[in-house]
Amino acid sequence: MTLLTLQGIRKSFGAVDVLHGVDLAVAAGEVVGLVGDNGAGKSTLMKTITGIYRADAGSIEFDGKDILQLDPGQRRELGIEMIYQDLSLAKQQDVASNIFLGREPTKRVFGLFPGFVDKAAMDRQAATMIERLGAHLPSISRSVGSFSGGQQQTVAIARALTFNPKLVIMDEPTAALAVREVQSVLDLIRRLKSEGIAVILISHRLNDVLSVTDRIVVLRHGRADADLVTARTNMNEVVSRIVGGGDISAAAAHEQRG
């Protein structure tokens, strides 16, 4: 079942045209890699999906609903979550405080009206979510700033999952991680897929993209230049599409930049 459909998406900033009629479809439970050089339009396209940017033209449907006019909060309520490269974590706060940031559950005072933040409920639900991911953290009561990069990525993923998303967009989730942490994040992406949650993975690390996705969409100069089935493609073809064809020797250099 198709979960997300973009047709003819255009976006300009002043005189600069960034997206030129992009089409994109993502099925429920599908992992789609979105790749392209810097300036190809990847971040702009994702921010258009989440509602941070309003498309100048085209249509966006999510779970059978027209969402083009909805704001980011409304799209989030429908099940679209994005994990940005900087993770947007409150580094001095603990795991539960980060997972529920801005959406803290409250408990009633004397049974009459909502009052104080229910920290005990937050801690319980946070621990349950971390366990669901099969992840290991030193302690949910420690500040996330004391965690490794991979552990912080786990907290960001847990935050996205707590409110039952149908689509999670991940921006460079394995950038600057150690090899073991990269594998842990890729395993988490596979777990999301197994639970029927769709993922759009933006990454310059093409080995990671090839190892975990079902399809790879290549953006080039604001256009969807290729839509490749991962099992039927390879590094050389993906790099060739990114750089415009023919320059297969660019593969190693591109991977190093990632």
Protein backbone atom coordinates (compact mmCIF):
# COMPACT_ATOMS: atom_id res chain seq x y z
CA MET A 1 0.00 0.00 0.00
CA THR A 2 1.35 3.42 -0.96
CA LEU A 3 1.72 5.59 2.12
CA LEU A 4 3.25 8.77 0.72
CA THR A 5 2.83 10.19 -2.78
CA LEU A 6 4.46 13.36 -4.08
CA GLN A 7 3.65 14.56 -7.58
CA GLY A 8 5.20 17.51 -9.41
CA ILE A 9 6.67 19.14 -6.29
CA ARG A 10 8.26 22.50 -7.04
CA LYS A 11 9.97 24.85 -4.60
CA SER A 12 11.82 28.10 -5.16
CA PHE A 13 13.49 30.59 -2.85
CA GLY A 14 13.32 33.93 -4.59
CA ALA A 15 14.87 33.51 -8.02
CA VAL A 16 16.51 30.19 -7.10
CA ASP A 17 14.59 27.10 -8.22
CA VAL A 18 15.45 24.21 -5.89
CA LEU A 19 12.91 21.51 -6.74
CA HIS A 20 11.75 21.01 -10.32
CA GLY A 21 8.65 18.81 -10.34
CA VAL A 22 9.76 15.95 -8.08
CA ASP A 23 7.71 12.75 -7.98
CA LEU A 24 8.19 10.31 -5.10
CA ALA A 25 6.23 7.39 -3.68
CA VAL A 26 6.88 5.43 -0.48
CA ALA A 27 4.99 2.33 0.57
CA ALA A 28 4.12 1.39 4.12
CA GLY A 29 7.02 -0.47 5.70
CA GLU A 30 9.40 0.44 2.88
CA VAL A 31 12.90 1.85 3.39
CA VAL A 32 13.78 4.34 0.67
CA GLY A 33 17.22 5.89 0.37
CA LEU A 34 17.42 9.47 -0.85
CA VAL A 35 20.85 10.34 -2.21
CA GLY A 36 22.48 13.13 -4.17
CA ASP A 37 25.29 15.64 -3.97
CA ASN A 38 25.09 18.74 -1.78
CA GLY A 39 22.59 21.16 -3.29
CA ALA A 40 20.58 18.44 -5.03
CA GLY A 41 17.47 19.38 -3.02
CA LYS A 42 17.29 16.52 -0.51
CA SER A 43 16.77 18.62 2.63
CA THR A 44 14.34 20.96 0.87
CA LEU A 45 12.27 17.99 -0.31
CA MET A 46 12.13 16.47 3.16
CA LYS A 47 11.17 19.79 4.76
CA THR A 48 8.44 20.05 2.16
CA ILE A 49 7.12 16.66 3.24
CA THR A 50 7.15 17.63 6.92
CA GLY A 51 5.50 21.00 6.22
CA ILE A 52 8.37 23.25 7.27
CA TYR A 53 8.38 24.50 3.67
CA ARG A 54 5.20 24.94 1.64
CA ALA A 55 5.48 23.58 -1.90
CA ASP A 56 4.96 26.13 -4.66
CA ALA A 57 3.30 23.55 -6.89
CA GLY A 58 2.41 19.88 -6.90
CA SER A 59 0.52 17.56 -4.57
CA ILE A 60 1.31 15.57 -1.43
CA GLU A 61 -0.86 12.73 -0.16
CA PHE A 62 -0.15 10.82 3.03
CA ASP A 63 -2.14 7.77 4.08
CA GLY A 64 -4.82 8.70 1.57
CA LYS A 65 -5.13 12.33 2.73
CA ASP A 66 -4.22 15.54 0.95
CA ILE A 67 -1.74 17.19 3.32
CA LEU A 68 -0.43 20.01 1.13
CA GLN A 69 -2.11 22.70 3.22
CA LEU A 70 -1.42 21.17 6.63
CA ASP A 71 1.13 22.67 9.02
CA PRO A 72 4.03 20.66 10.52
CA GLY A 73 2.14 19.88 13.73
CA GLN A 74 -0.83 18.50 11.83
CA ARG A 75 1.41 16.37 9.65
CA ARG A 76 3.16 15.06 12.73
CA GLU A 77 -0.18 14.08 14.22
CA LEU A 78 -0.91 12.07 11.08
CA GLY A 79 2.30 10.11 11.60
CA ILE A 80 5.21 11.91 9.90
CA GLU A 81 8.34 12.24 12.03
CA MET A 82 11.77 13.56 11.04
CA ILE A 83 15.07 13.01 12.83
CA TYR A 84 17.46 15.79 11.85
CA GLN A 85 21.21 15.36 11.55
CA ASP A 86 21.84 17.44 14.68
CA LEU A 87 19.21 15.27 16.49
CA SER A 88 17.80 18.35 18.30
CA LEU A 89 18.31 16.75 21.70
CA ALA A 90 18.37 18.63 24.98
CA LYS A 91 21.81 17.41 26.01
CA GLN A 92 21.47 18.31 29.70
CA GLN A 93 18.19 16.40 30.08
CA ASP A 94 17.72 12.68 30.63
CA VAL A 95 16.33 10.13 28.20
CA ALA A 96 12.65 10.41 29.15
CA SER A 97 12.73 14.21 29.14
CA ASN A 98 14.08 14.14 25.60
CA ILE A 99 11.63 11.55 24.34
CA PHE A 100 8.63 13.51 25.61
CA LEU A 101 10.05 17.00 25.02
CA GLY A 102 7.11 19.33 24.41
CA ARG A 103 4.58 16.49 24.78
CA GLU A 104 4.98 15.57 28.43
CA PRO A 105 2.14 13.59 30.04
CA THR A 106 0.58 15.19 33.10
CA LYS A 107 -1.18 13.80 36.13
CA ARG A 108 -4.22 15.16 37.88
CA VAL A 109 -3.95 17.05 41.14
CA PHE A 110 -6.42 15.69 43.68
CA GLY A 111 -8.14 14.01 40.75
CA LEU A 112 -9.54 17.30 39.52
CA PHE A 113 -7.41 18.80 36.76
CA PRO A 114 -4.11 18.18 34.95
CA GLY A 115 -1.24 19.70 36.78
CA PHE A 116 2.25 18.33 37.21
CA VAL A 117 4.33 16.49 34.65
CA ASP A 118 4.07 12.75 35.29
CA LYS A 119 7.79 11.94 35.38
CA ALA A 120 7.24 8.39 36.63
CA ALA A 121 5.03 7.63 33.61
CA MET A 122 7.62 9.21 31.31
CA ASP A 123 10.37 7.03 32.74
CA ARG A 124 8.29 3.86 32.40
CA GLN A 125 7.32 4.58 28.82
CA ALA A 126 10.88 5.60 27.91
CA ALA A 127 12.27 2.34 29.29
CA THR A 128 9.62 0.38 27.37
CA MET A 129 10.49 2.15 24.12
CA ILE A 130 14.22 1.55 24.51
CA GLU A 131 13.50 -2.12 25.22
CA ARG A 132 11.24 -2.29 22.15
CA LEU A 133 14.15 -1.07 20.03
CA GLY A 134 16.38 -3.74 21.49
CA ALA A 135 18.88 -0.98 22.31
CA HIS A 136 21.22 -0.65 25.25
CA LEU A 137 21.76 2.61 27.11
CA PRO A 138 23.86 3.12 30.24
CA SER A 139 20.88 4.56 32.14
CA ILE A 140 17.69 6.39 31.20
CA SER A 141 18.31 8.76 34.12
CA ARG A 142 21.62 10.06 32.72
CA SER A 143 21.84 13.22 30.60
CA VAL A 144 21.94 12.31 26.92
CA GLY A 145 24.95 14.57 26.46
CA SER A 146 27.03 11.93 28.24
CA PHE A 147 26.06 9.28 25.67
CA SER A 148 27.96 8.24 22.57
CA GLY A 149 26.78 9.38 19.14
CA GLY A 150 25.06 6.07 18.45
CA GLN A 151 23.30 6.11 21.81
CA GLN A 152 22.07 9.65 21.17
CA GLN A 153 20.75 8.49 17.79
CA THR A 154 18.86 5.74 19.66
CA VAL A 155 17.20 8.36 21.88
CA ALA A 156 16.19 10.40 18.83
CA ILE A 157 14.69 7.32 17.18
CA ALA A 158 12.86 6.41 20.39
CA ARG A 159 11.43 9.94 20.53
CA ALA A 160 10.15 9.62 16.97
CA LEU A 161 8.54 6.22 17.67
CA THR A 162 6.82 7.10 20.93
CA PHE A 163 3.93 8.77 19.14
CA ASN A 164 3.28 5.93 16.68
CA PRO A 165 4.59 7.32 13.38
CA LYS A 166 3.88 5.74 10.02
CA LEU A 167 6.86 7.41 8.33
CA VAL A 168 10.23 8.33 9.84
CA ILE A 169 12.60 10.54 7.85
CA MET A 170 16.23 10.22 8.94
CA ASP A 171 18.83 12.80 7.90
CA GLU A 172 22.39 11.38 7.89
CA PRO A 173 21.81 9.10 10.91
CA THR A 174 25.17 7.34 10.60
CA ALA A 175 27.34 10.36 9.93
CA ALA A 176 30.39 10.54 12.21
CA LEU A 177 29.56 7.28 14.02
CA ALA A 178 31.99 4.48 14.81
CA VAL A 179 31.59 1.27 12.81
CA ARG A 180 29.86 -0.63 15.62
CA GLU A 181 27.44 2.26 16.22
CA VAL A 182 26.66 2.48 12.50
CA GLN A 183 25.60 -1.16 12.52
CA SER A 184 23.42 -0.55 15.57
CA VAL A 185 21.57 2.30 13.83
CA LEU A 186 21.12 0.24 10.66
CA ASP A 187 19.68 -2.57 12.78
CA LEU A 188 17.21 -0.07 14.27
CA ILE A 189 16.13 0.94 10.77
CA ARG A 190 15.52 -2.73 9.95
CA ARG A 191 13.47 -3.04 13.12
CA LEU A 192 11.30 -0.10 12.04
CA LYS A 193 10.70 -1.82 8.71
CA SER A 194 9.76 -5.06 10.47
CA GLU A 195 7.11 -3.14 12.40
CA GLY A 196 5.61 -1.74 9.20
CA ILE A 197 7.03 1.77 9.63
CA ALA A 198 8.28 3.42 6.44
CA VAL A 199 11.67 5.13 6.47
CA ILE A 200 13.23 7.70 4.17
CA LEU A 201 16.99 7.58 4.70
CA ILE A 202 19.07 10.57 3.58
CA SER A 203 22.74 9.67 3.54
CA HIS A 204 26.04 10.22 1.77
CA ARG A 205 27.25 6.87 3.11
CA LEU A 206 26.27 4.77 0.13
CA ASN A 207 27.35 1.47 1.68
CA ASP A 208 24.83 2.07 4.46
CA VAL A 209 22.11 2.98 1.96
CA LEU A 210 22.78 -0.12 -0.13
CA SER A 211 22.73 -2.38 2.93
CA VAL A 212 19.40 -1.35 4.41
CA THR A 213 17.07 0.10 1.73
CA ASP A 214 14.50 -1.38 -0.63
CA ARG A 215 14.82 1.41 -3.19
CA ILE A 216 17.19 4.30 -3.84
CA VAL A 217 15.99 7.61 -5.28
CA VAL A 218 18.68 9.85 -6.73
CA LEU A 219 18.11 13.60 -6.70
CA ARG A 220 20.14 15.64 -9.15
CA HIS A 221 19.69 19.40 -9.64
CA GLY A 222 16.28 19.30 -7.97
CA ARG A 223 14.92 16.43 -10.03
CA ALA A 224 14.36 12.74 -9.28
CA ASP A 225 16.94 11.46 -11.75
CA ALA A 226 16.61 7.77 -10.90
CA ASP A 227 14.49 5.37 -8.86
CA LEU A 228 16.49 2.18 -8.39
CA VAL A 229 15.58 -1.15 -6.80
CA THR A 230 18.41 -1.70 -4.33
CA ALA A 231 18.67 -5.44 -4.98
CA ARG A 232 19.19 -4.76 -8.70
CA THR A 233 21.76 -1.97 -8.49
CA ASN A 234 25.25 -1.40 -7.13
CA MET A 235 27.61 1.29 -5.93
CA ASN A 236 28.88 2.15 -9.41
CA GLU A 237 25.43 2.71 -10.84
CA VAL A 238 24.29 4.85 -7.89
CA VAL A 239 27.41 7.03 -8.03
CA SER A 240 27.10 7.33 -11.80
CA ARG A 241 23.56 8.63 -11.37
CA ILE A 242 24.63 11.07 -8.68
CA VAL A 243 27.47 12.58 -10.70
CA GLY A 244 25.57 12.59 -13.96
CA GLY A 245 26.63 9.36 -15.64
CA GLY A 246 29.84 7.86 -16.81
CA ASP A 247 32.23 8.91 -14.06
CA ILE A 248 32.43 5.58 -12.28
CA SER A 249 35.84 6.47 -10.83
CA ALA A 250 34.04 9.01 -8.63
CA ALA A 251 32.71 6.22 -6.40
CA ALA A 252 35.59 6.15 -3.94
CA ALA A 253 35.82 9.92 -3.72
CA HIS A 254 32.09 10.25 -3.14
CA GLU A 255 32.12 7.63 -0.39
CA GLN A 256 35.01 9.41 1.32
CA ARG A 257 33.08 12.69 1.24
CA GLY A 258 30.14 10.89 2.87
